[in-house]
N, C-alpha and C. Protein backbone atom coordinates (compact mmCIF):
# COMPACT_ATOMS: atom_id res chain seq x y z
N GLY A 1 -116.78 159.99 65.64
CA GLY A 1 -116.96 158.63 65.23
C GLY A 1 -115.91 158.22 64.22
N ASP A 2 -116.04 157.01 63.73
CA ASP A 2 -115.11 156.49 62.73
C ASP A 2 -115.36 157.17 61.40
N GLN A 3 -114.26 157.45 60.71
CA GLN A 3 -114.35 158.03 59.38
C GLN A 3 -114.08 156.95 58.35
N THR A 4 -114.83 157.00 57.27
CA THR A 4 -114.59 156.08 56.17
C THR A 4 -113.43 156.64 55.34
N PRO A 5 -112.40 155.83 55.07
CA PRO A 5 -111.29 156.35 54.28
C PRO A 5 -111.75 156.73 52.87
N LEU A 6 -111.09 157.74 52.32
CA LEU A 6 -111.30 158.08 50.92
C LEU A 6 -110.67 157.00 50.08
N SER A 7 -111.32 156.59 49.02
CA SER A 7 -110.80 155.54 48.15
C SER A 7 -110.54 156.08 46.75
N PHE A 8 -109.36 155.78 46.24
CA PHE A 8 -108.97 156.17 44.90
C PHE A 8 -108.39 154.95 44.21
N SER A 9 -108.41 154.97 42.89
CA SER A 9 -107.71 153.92 42.14
C SER A 9 -106.90 154.58 41.04
N PHE A 10 -105.78 153.93 40.72
CA PHE A 10 -104.87 154.45 39.71
C PHE A 10 -104.44 153.29 38.82
N ASP A 11 -104.58 153.46 37.51
CA ASP A 11 -104.12 152.47 36.53
C ASP A 11 -103.04 153.11 35.69
N GLY A 12 -101.82 152.62 35.82
CA GLY A 12 -100.68 153.17 35.09
C GLY A 12 -100.71 152.89 33.61
N GLY A 13 -101.48 151.90 33.18
CA GLY A 13 -101.55 151.58 31.76
C GLY A 13 -100.21 151.07 31.23
N GLU A 14 -99.97 151.31 29.95
CA GLU A 14 -98.73 150.86 29.30
C GLU A 14 -97.53 151.67 29.78
N GLY A 15 -96.34 151.14 29.60
CA GLY A 15 -95.11 151.84 29.94
C GLY A 15 -94.73 151.65 31.39
N LEU A 16 -93.66 152.34 31.78
CA LEU A 16 -93.15 152.25 33.15
C LEU A 16 -93.75 153.36 33.98
N ASP A 17 -94.38 153.01 35.10
CA ASP A 17 -95.05 153.98 35.93
C ASP A 17 -94.61 153.83 37.38
N GLY A 18 -94.60 154.96 38.07
CA GLY A 18 -94.29 154.97 39.49
C GLY A 18 -95.40 155.62 40.26
N LEU A 19 -95.52 155.24 41.52
CA LEU A 19 -96.53 155.79 42.39
C LEU A 19 -95.86 156.16 43.71
N ALA A 20 -96.03 157.43 44.14
CA ALA A 20 -95.53 157.90 45.43
C ALA A 20 -96.72 158.28 46.29
N PHE A 21 -96.67 157.90 47.56
CA PHE A 21 -97.73 158.22 48.50
C PHE A 21 -97.13 159.19 49.52
N GLU A 22 -97.34 160.49 49.31
CA GLU A 22 -96.78 161.53 50.17
C GLU A 22 -97.74 161.82 51.31
N THR A 23 -97.45 161.31 52.48
CA THR A 23 -98.28 161.51 53.67
C THR A 23 -97.40 161.45 54.90
N ALA A 24 -97.80 162.14 55.94
CA ALA A 24 -97.07 162.08 57.20
C ALA A 24 -97.44 160.82 57.99
N ASN A 25 -98.53 160.17 57.59
CA ASN A 25 -98.98 158.96 58.27
C ASN A 25 -98.22 157.74 57.78
N ASP A 26 -98.20 156.69 58.60
CA ASP A 26 -97.60 155.43 58.19
C ASP A 26 -98.48 154.78 57.14
N VAL A 27 -97.85 154.16 56.14
CA VAL A 27 -98.59 153.59 55.02
C VAL A 27 -98.37 152.08 54.97
N GLU A 28 -99.46 151.33 54.80
CA GLU A 28 -99.41 149.89 54.56
C GLU A 28 -99.60 149.66 53.07
N TRP A 29 -98.58 149.17 52.40
CA TRP A 29 -98.63 148.84 50.97
C TRP A 29 -98.77 147.33 50.87
N THR A 30 -99.71 146.85 50.06
CA THR A 30 -99.83 145.42 49.81
C THR A 30 -99.78 145.20 48.31
N ILE A 31 -98.77 144.45 47.86
CA ILE A 31 -98.63 144.10 46.45
C ILE A 31 -99.22 142.70 46.32
N GLY A 32 -100.44 142.62 45.78
CA GLY A 32 -101.19 141.38 45.78
C GLY A 32 -101.24 140.68 44.44
N ALA A 33 -100.75 141.35 43.39
CA ALA A 33 -100.74 140.79 42.04
C ALA A 33 -99.56 141.45 41.31
N PRO A 34 -99.19 140.97 40.14
CA PRO A 34 -98.09 141.62 39.42
C PRO A 34 -98.38 143.10 39.15
N ASP A 35 -97.50 143.96 39.68
CA ASP A 35 -97.59 145.42 39.51
C ASP A 35 -98.94 145.98 39.93
N ALA A 36 -99.54 145.40 40.97
CA ALA A 36 -100.86 145.84 41.42
C ALA A 36 -101.02 145.58 42.91
N GLY A 37 -101.86 146.43 43.53
CA GLY A 37 -102.13 146.25 44.95
C GLY A 37 -102.90 147.42 45.51
N VAL A 38 -102.68 147.67 46.81
CA VAL A 38 -103.39 148.75 47.50
C VAL A 38 -102.45 149.35 48.54
N ALA A 39 -102.61 150.66 48.76
CA ALA A 39 -101.86 151.36 49.79
C ALA A 39 -102.87 152.15 50.63
N THR A 40 -102.68 152.13 51.94
CA THR A 40 -103.58 152.90 52.80
C THR A 40 -102.82 153.49 53.97
N ASP A 41 -103.21 154.70 54.36
CA ASP A 41 -102.64 155.34 55.54
C ASP A 41 -103.70 155.50 56.64
N GLY A 42 -104.82 154.82 56.48
CA GLY A 42 -105.90 154.91 57.45
C GLY A 42 -106.93 155.96 57.09
N PHE A 43 -106.55 156.92 56.26
CA PHE A 43 -107.47 157.97 55.83
C PHE A 43 -107.73 157.89 54.33
N VAL A 44 -106.71 157.47 53.59
CA VAL A 44 -106.81 157.35 52.14
C VAL A 44 -106.44 155.92 51.76
N SER A 45 -107.27 155.31 50.92
CA SER A 45 -106.98 153.99 50.39
C SER A 45 -106.81 154.13 48.89
N LEU A 46 -105.67 153.68 48.39
CA LEU A 46 -105.34 153.85 46.98
C LEU A 46 -105.04 152.48 46.37
N SER A 47 -105.90 152.04 45.45
CA SER A 47 -105.61 150.79 44.74
C SER A 47 -104.87 151.16 43.46
N PHE A 48 -103.95 150.30 43.04
CA PHE A 48 -103.14 150.59 41.86
C PHE A 48 -103.00 149.34 41.00
N ASP A 49 -102.96 149.59 39.69
CA ASP A 49 -102.74 148.55 38.68
C ASP A 49 -101.72 149.07 37.68
N ASN A 50 -100.94 148.17 37.10
CA ASN A 50 -99.95 148.53 36.08
C ASN A 50 -98.98 149.60 36.57
N VAL A 51 -98.56 149.48 37.83
CA VAL A 51 -97.58 150.38 38.42
C VAL A 51 -96.35 149.55 38.77
N GLU A 52 -95.21 149.94 38.20
CA GLU A 52 -94.00 149.13 38.35
C GLU A 52 -93.13 149.52 39.53
N THR A 53 -93.20 150.79 39.98
CA THR A 53 -92.34 151.28 41.05
C THR A 53 -93.18 151.98 42.12
N LEU A 54 -92.93 151.64 43.39
CA LEU A 54 -93.62 152.27 44.51
C LEU A 54 -92.62 153.05 45.35
N THR A 55 -93.00 154.27 45.78
CA THR A 55 -92.15 155.11 46.61
C THR A 55 -92.92 155.58 47.82
N GLY A 56 -92.37 155.32 48.99
CA GLY A 56 -92.98 155.76 50.22
C GLY A 56 -92.61 157.20 50.53
N ALA A 57 -93.34 157.80 51.45
CA ALA A 57 -93.08 159.18 51.86
C ALA A 57 -91.85 159.24 52.76
N ALA A 58 -91.26 160.44 52.82
CA ALA A 58 -90.12 160.65 53.70
C ALA A 58 -90.57 160.70 55.15
N ASN A 59 -89.71 160.22 56.03
CA ASN A 59 -89.87 160.36 57.48
C ASN A 59 -91.15 159.74 58.04
N ASN A 60 -91.61 158.66 57.46
CA ASN A 60 -92.72 157.91 58.04
C ASN A 60 -92.34 156.43 58.05
N ASN A 61 -93.26 155.58 58.48
CA ASN A 61 -93.00 154.15 58.54
C ASN A 61 -93.87 153.45 57.51
N ASP A 62 -93.26 153.14 56.36
CA ASP A 62 -93.97 152.40 55.31
C ASP A 62 -93.70 150.91 55.51
N THR A 63 -94.74 150.11 55.33
CA THR A 63 -94.59 148.66 55.31
C THR A 63 -95.05 148.16 53.95
N PHE A 64 -94.14 147.55 53.21
CA PHE A 64 -94.43 147.00 51.89
C PHE A 64 -94.55 145.49 52.05
N THR A 65 -95.75 144.94 51.81
CA THR A 65 -95.97 143.50 51.93
C THR A 65 -96.15 142.92 50.54
N LEU A 66 -95.28 141.99 50.19
CA LEU A 66 -95.36 141.28 48.92
C LEU A 66 -96.08 139.97 49.18
N ASP A 67 -97.34 139.87 48.74
CA ASP A 67 -98.10 138.64 48.89
C ASP A 67 -97.56 137.56 47.96
N ALA A 68 -97.97 136.32 48.18
CA ALA A 68 -97.48 135.19 47.39
C ALA A 68 -97.73 135.37 45.90
N SER A 69 -98.82 136.03 45.52
CA SER A 69 -99.12 136.22 44.09
C SER A 69 -98.68 137.59 43.59
N GLY A 70 -97.99 138.36 44.41
CA GLY A 70 -97.56 139.70 44.03
C GLY A 70 -96.18 139.72 43.42
N ALA A 71 -95.93 140.75 42.62
CA ALA A 71 -94.62 141.01 42.03
C ALA A 71 -94.59 142.48 41.65
N LEU A 72 -93.39 143.05 41.61
CA LEU A 72 -93.24 144.45 41.27
C LEU A 72 -92.03 144.57 40.36
N SER A 73 -92.26 144.85 39.08
CA SER A 73 -91.17 144.79 38.10
C SER A 73 -90.20 145.94 38.20
N GLY A 74 -90.60 147.08 38.76
CA GLY A 74 -89.68 148.21 38.88
C GLY A 74 -88.96 148.24 40.22
N GLY A 75 -89.69 148.06 41.30
CA GLY A 75 -89.06 148.01 42.61
C GLY A 75 -89.74 148.90 43.62
N ILE A 76 -89.12 148.94 44.81
CA ILE A 76 -89.64 149.65 45.97
C ILE A 76 -88.58 150.62 46.46
N ASP A 77 -89.02 151.86 46.77
CA ASP A 77 -88.17 152.85 47.43
C ASP A 77 -88.93 153.30 48.67
N GLY A 78 -88.36 153.06 49.85
CA GLY A 78 -89.03 153.41 51.08
C GLY A 78 -89.12 154.90 51.34
N GLY A 79 -88.35 155.71 50.62
CA GLY A 79 -88.33 157.15 50.87
C GLY A 79 -87.26 157.49 51.90
N ASP A 80 -86.93 158.79 52.00
CA ASP A 80 -85.89 159.24 52.92
C ASP A 80 -86.37 159.17 54.36
N GLY A 81 -85.48 158.77 55.25
CA GLY A 81 -85.78 158.76 56.68
C GLY A 81 -86.85 157.76 57.04
N GLY A 82 -87.35 157.88 58.24
CA GLY A 82 -88.39 156.97 58.69
C GLY A 82 -87.84 155.58 58.96
N PHE A 83 -88.75 154.63 59.04
CA PHE A 83 -88.40 153.23 59.30
C PHE A 83 -89.29 152.39 58.41
N ASP A 84 -88.76 152.01 57.26
CA ASP A 84 -89.54 151.35 56.21
C ASP A 84 -89.16 149.89 56.12
N THR A 85 -90.16 149.01 56.06
CA THR A 85 -89.90 147.58 56.06
C THR A 85 -90.48 146.90 54.83
N LEU A 86 -89.88 145.78 54.49
CA LEU A 86 -90.37 144.91 53.43
C LEU A 86 -90.73 143.58 54.07
N VAL A 87 -91.94 143.11 53.79
CA VAL A 87 -92.40 141.81 54.27
C VAL A 87 -92.65 140.94 53.04
N ILE A 88 -91.90 139.85 52.92
CA ILE A 88 -92.12 138.90 51.84
C ILE A 88 -92.97 137.79 52.44
N ASP A 89 -94.25 137.77 52.04
CA ASP A 89 -95.23 136.89 52.66
C ASP A 89 -95.54 135.72 51.74
N GLY A 90 -95.99 134.64 52.29
CA GLY A 90 -96.39 133.48 51.50
C GLY A 90 -95.28 132.45 51.38
N GLN A 91 -95.66 131.22 51.21
CA GLN A 91 -94.71 130.12 51.06
C GLN A 91 -93.90 130.30 49.78
N ARG A 92 -92.60 130.14 49.86
CA ARG A 92 -91.70 130.31 48.71
C ARG A 92 -90.80 129.08 48.58
N GLU A 93 -90.45 128.78 47.34
CA GLU A 93 -89.49 127.71 47.11
C GLU A 93 -88.06 128.21 47.31
N SER A 94 -87.73 129.33 46.65
CA SER A 94 -86.36 129.82 46.66
C SER A 94 -86.34 131.33 46.83
N VAL A 95 -85.56 131.80 47.81
CA VAL A 95 -85.36 133.22 48.02
C VAL A 95 -83.85 133.47 48.03
N THR A 96 -83.38 134.33 47.12
CA THR A 96 -81.98 134.73 47.07
C THR A 96 -81.90 136.22 47.33
N TYR A 97 -81.08 136.59 48.30
CA TYR A 97 -80.89 137.99 48.69
C TYR A 97 -79.57 138.46 48.10
N LEU A 98 -79.62 139.56 47.33
CA LEU A 98 -78.44 140.16 46.71
C LEU A 98 -78.29 141.59 47.24
N PRO A 99 -77.65 141.76 48.40
CA PRO A 99 -77.51 143.10 48.96
C PRO A 99 -76.53 143.94 48.16
N GLU A 100 -76.79 145.25 48.09
CA GLU A 100 -75.87 146.19 47.43
C GLU A 100 -75.23 147.12 48.44
N ASP A 101 -75.98 147.52 49.45
CA ASP A 101 -75.49 148.36 50.54
C ASP A 101 -76.47 148.20 51.70
N PRO A 102 -76.25 148.93 52.82
CA PRO A 102 -77.10 148.69 53.99
C PRO A 102 -78.59 148.98 53.80
N ASN A 103 -78.99 149.64 52.71
CA ASN A 103 -80.39 149.98 52.53
C ASN A 103 -80.96 149.57 51.18
N SER A 104 -80.18 148.89 50.35
CA SER A 104 -80.71 148.55 49.02
C SER A 104 -80.13 147.24 48.52
N GLY A 105 -80.79 146.72 47.51
CA GLY A 105 -80.38 145.46 46.90
C GLY A 105 -81.56 144.88 46.15
N SER A 106 -81.55 143.57 46.02
CA SER A 106 -82.66 142.90 45.35
C SER A 106 -82.82 141.50 45.91
N PHE A 107 -83.99 140.96 45.64
CA PHE A 107 -84.30 139.58 45.97
C PHE A 107 -84.70 138.88 44.68
N LEU A 108 -84.31 137.63 44.55
CA LEU A 108 -84.87 136.75 43.53
C LEU A 108 -85.79 135.80 44.29
N ILE A 109 -87.09 135.97 44.05
CA ILE A 109 -88.10 135.20 44.78
C ILE A 109 -88.75 134.25 43.78
N ASP A 110 -88.43 132.97 43.92
CA ASP A 110 -88.90 131.97 42.95
C ASP A 110 -88.61 132.43 41.52
N GLY A 111 -87.43 133.02 41.32
CA GLY A 111 -86.97 133.44 40.00
C GLY A 111 -87.41 134.82 39.56
N THR A 112 -88.23 135.53 40.34
CA THR A 112 -88.70 136.86 39.99
C THR A 112 -87.96 137.89 40.82
N GLU A 113 -87.37 138.89 40.15
CA GLU A 113 -86.59 139.91 40.85
C GLU A 113 -87.49 140.95 41.51
N LEU A 114 -87.09 141.38 42.71
CA LEU A 114 -87.70 142.50 43.40
C LEU A 114 -86.57 143.39 43.89
N ARG A 115 -86.45 144.60 43.30
CA ARG A 115 -85.42 145.56 43.71
C ARG A 115 -85.96 146.44 44.83
N PHE A 116 -85.06 146.89 45.73
CA PHE A 116 -85.50 147.77 46.81
C PHE A 116 -84.39 148.75 47.18
N SER A 117 -84.81 149.89 47.72
CA SER A 117 -83.89 150.86 48.31
C SER A 117 -84.62 151.62 49.41
N GLY A 118 -83.86 152.23 50.29
CA GLY A 118 -84.44 153.04 51.34
C GLY A 118 -85.22 152.26 52.38
N LEU A 119 -84.85 151.02 52.61
CA LEU A 119 -85.56 150.20 53.59
C LEU A 119 -84.67 149.94 54.80
N GLU A 120 -85.29 149.53 55.89
CA GLU A 120 -84.54 149.13 57.07
C GLU A 120 -84.62 147.60 57.19
N PRO A 121 -85.51 147.00 57.94
CA PRO A 121 -85.48 145.53 57.98
C PRO A 121 -86.31 144.89 56.87
N VAL A 122 -85.98 143.63 56.59
CA VAL A 122 -86.75 142.80 55.67
C VAL A 122 -87.13 141.53 56.43
N TYR A 123 -88.39 141.08 56.24
CA TYR A 123 -88.88 139.89 56.91
C TYR A 123 -89.41 138.88 55.90
N LEU A 124 -89.03 137.62 56.06
CA LEU A 124 -89.65 136.51 55.33
C LEU A 124 -90.62 135.87 56.33
N THR A 125 -91.93 136.03 56.09
CA THR A 125 -92.88 135.60 57.10
C THR A 125 -93.27 134.13 57.01
N ASN A 126 -93.01 133.47 55.92
CA ASN A 126 -93.28 132.04 55.81
C ASN A 126 -91.98 131.34 55.45
N THR A 127 -91.91 130.07 55.77
CA THR A 127 -90.70 129.31 55.51
C THR A 127 -90.48 129.15 54.01
N ALA A 128 -89.24 129.36 53.59
CA ALA A 128 -88.85 129.08 52.21
C ALA A 128 -88.09 127.76 52.20
N SER A 129 -88.13 127.06 51.07
CA SER A 129 -87.36 125.82 50.96
C SER A 129 -85.87 126.10 50.97
N THR A 130 -85.45 127.09 50.19
CA THR A 130 -84.04 127.42 50.05
C THR A 130 -83.87 128.93 50.22
N ILE A 131 -82.95 129.34 51.09
CA ILE A 131 -82.60 130.75 51.25
C ILE A 131 -81.12 130.89 50.96
N THR A 132 -80.79 131.84 50.08
CA THR A 132 -79.40 132.11 49.72
C THR A 132 -79.12 133.59 49.93
N ILE A 133 -78.00 133.90 50.59
CA ILE A 133 -77.55 135.27 50.72
C ILE A 133 -76.27 135.36 49.92
N ASP A 134 -76.29 136.16 48.82
CA ASP A 134 -75.15 136.28 47.92
C ASP A 134 -74.43 137.59 48.23
N MET A 135 -73.32 137.51 48.94
CA MET A 135 -72.58 138.68 49.39
C MET A 135 -71.62 139.22 48.33
N GLN A 136 -71.53 138.57 47.17
CA GLN A 136 -70.57 138.99 46.15
C GLN A 136 -70.91 140.35 45.55
N THR A 137 -72.15 140.81 45.71
CA THR A 137 -72.54 142.10 45.16
C THR A 137 -72.07 143.27 46.04
N LEU A 138 -71.55 142.98 47.24
CA LEU A 138 -71.13 144.03 48.17
C LEU A 138 -69.72 144.51 47.86
N LEU A 139 -69.43 145.74 48.28
CA LEU A 139 -68.09 146.29 48.14
C LEU A 139 -67.12 145.55 49.03
N PRO A 140 -65.85 145.44 48.61
CA PRO A 140 -64.85 144.81 49.47
C PRO A 140 -64.81 145.52 50.83
N GLY A 141 -64.64 144.75 51.89
CA GLY A 141 -64.63 145.31 53.23
C GLY A 141 -65.98 145.29 53.91
N THR A 142 -67.04 145.09 53.14
CA THR A 142 -68.37 145.01 53.73
C THR A 142 -68.97 143.63 53.52
N GLN A 143 -68.15 142.68 53.07
CA GLN A 143 -68.64 141.34 52.75
C GLN A 143 -68.60 140.41 53.95
N SER A 144 -69.13 140.88 55.07
CA SER A 144 -69.22 140.02 56.24
C SER A 144 -70.62 140.18 56.82
N ALA A 145 -71.06 139.13 57.50
CA ALA A 145 -72.39 139.17 58.10
C ALA A 145 -72.41 138.19 59.27
N SER A 146 -73.36 138.41 60.15
CA SER A 146 -73.54 137.47 61.25
C SER A 146 -74.93 136.88 61.17
N LEU A 147 -75.00 135.60 61.49
CA LEU A 147 -76.26 134.88 61.56
C LEU A 147 -76.52 134.61 63.03
N ASP A 148 -77.63 135.15 63.53
CA ASP A 148 -77.94 135.04 64.95
C ASP A 148 -79.38 134.58 65.14
N LEU A 149 -79.69 134.16 66.35
CA LEU A 149 -81.09 133.91 66.71
C LEU A 149 -81.80 135.27 66.72
N ASP A 150 -83.00 135.31 66.17
CA ASP A 150 -83.74 136.56 66.05
C ASP A 150 -84.57 136.81 67.31
N PRO A 151 -84.34 137.91 68.02
CA PRO A 151 -85.13 138.20 69.22
C PRO A 151 -86.55 138.66 68.89
N GLY A 152 -86.84 138.92 67.60
CA GLY A 152 -88.13 139.47 67.22
C GLY A 152 -89.18 138.47 66.83
N GLY A 153 -88.95 137.18 67.06
CA GLY A 153 -90.00 136.20 66.80
C GLY A 153 -89.73 135.26 65.64
N PHE A 154 -88.75 135.57 64.80
CA PHE A 154 -88.36 134.64 63.74
C PHE A 154 -87.25 133.74 64.28
N ASP A 155 -86.88 132.70 63.52
CA ASP A 155 -85.80 131.82 63.96
C ASP A 155 -84.45 132.53 63.91
N PHE A 156 -84.16 133.22 62.80
CA PHE A 156 -82.82 133.78 62.57
C PHE A 156 -82.89 135.21 62.05
N ILE A 157 -81.78 135.92 62.23
CA ILE A 157 -81.57 137.22 61.61
C ILE A 157 -80.15 137.24 61.07
N ILE A 158 -79.99 137.75 59.87
CA ILE A 158 -78.66 137.94 59.30
C ILE A 158 -78.49 139.43 59.09
N ASP A 159 -77.33 139.93 59.50
CA ASP A 159 -77.06 141.36 59.40
C ASP A 159 -75.56 141.56 59.25
N GLY A 160 -75.19 142.69 58.73
CA GLY A 160 -73.78 143.02 58.56
C GLY A 160 -73.62 144.45 58.10
N PRO A 161 -72.38 144.91 58.00
CA PRO A 161 -72.15 146.32 57.65
C PRO A 161 -72.60 146.70 56.24
N GLY A 162 -72.68 145.74 55.35
CA GLY A 162 -73.00 146.06 53.97
C GLY A 162 -74.38 145.63 53.51
N LEU A 163 -75.22 145.15 54.44
CA LEU A 163 -76.50 144.64 53.99
C LEU A 163 -77.61 145.01 54.96
N GLU A 164 -78.82 144.98 54.44
CA GLU A 164 -80.02 145.20 55.23
C GLU A 164 -80.29 143.95 56.04
N SER A 165 -80.76 144.09 57.27
CA SER A 165 -81.03 142.91 58.08
C SER A 165 -82.20 142.13 57.48
N LEU A 166 -82.10 140.82 57.56
CA LEU A 166 -83.11 139.90 57.05
C LEU A 166 -83.47 138.93 58.17
N SER A 167 -84.74 138.96 58.58
CA SER A 167 -85.24 138.03 59.60
C SER A 167 -86.06 136.95 58.90
N PHE A 168 -85.87 135.69 59.31
CA PHE A 168 -86.53 134.59 58.62
C PHE A 168 -86.59 133.36 59.52
N ASP A 169 -87.52 132.47 59.19
CA ASP A 169 -87.57 131.18 59.85
C ASP A 169 -86.67 130.19 59.10
N ALA A 170 -86.26 129.15 59.78
CA ALA A 170 -85.36 128.18 59.18
C ALA A 170 -85.93 127.63 57.87
N PRO A 171 -85.13 127.63 56.79
CA PRO A 171 -85.63 127.06 55.54
C PRO A 171 -85.79 125.55 55.68
N THR A 172 -86.69 124.99 54.90
CA THR A 172 -86.96 123.55 54.99
C THR A 172 -85.90 122.72 54.29
N ASP A 173 -85.12 123.31 53.38
CA ASP A 173 -84.13 122.55 52.63
C ASP A 173 -82.70 123.03 52.92
N SER A 174 -82.38 124.31 52.56
CA SER A 174 -80.99 124.75 52.75
C SER A 174 -80.88 126.25 52.94
N LEU A 175 -79.80 126.63 53.62
CA LEU A 175 -79.41 128.03 53.81
C LEU A 175 -77.97 128.14 53.36
N SER A 176 -77.70 129.06 52.44
CA SER A 176 -76.32 129.23 51.99
C SER A 176 -76.02 130.70 51.80
């Protein structure tokens, strides 16, 4: 029959704290409040508060979903290998993508920074008013990208040698 997942909670308290979920199973991370949320692999459910950095397990598929009221002051590391994704969910006014290399960089989401590393694709699931991709943070020679129609269900995908692919629907105001 169905098994009830084990439930744990972790409160990082004061200071800078990180949380790693070491499992061979795929993990769904939901950041639903500032430095707080829940992670589950179907067998273990872990709620967390006052945790600034999240790290996924190696060689699995982690999905990190940033809800509209979520924020993570330290950042996200998908872990080595696997296929790890970031989903920026909820209506946004302004999203700026600052890629550093093909697997890391940061986003400024309505003025709040979210750093990431070890990820593969990134998805903006709701329309933003303004989307900006700032390629100046990339090394010379990798500062090119292509904007194409997205075959995966979004309007567009931007990808290039120096940045993580970003799939998104057309912004309501501007794309630069």
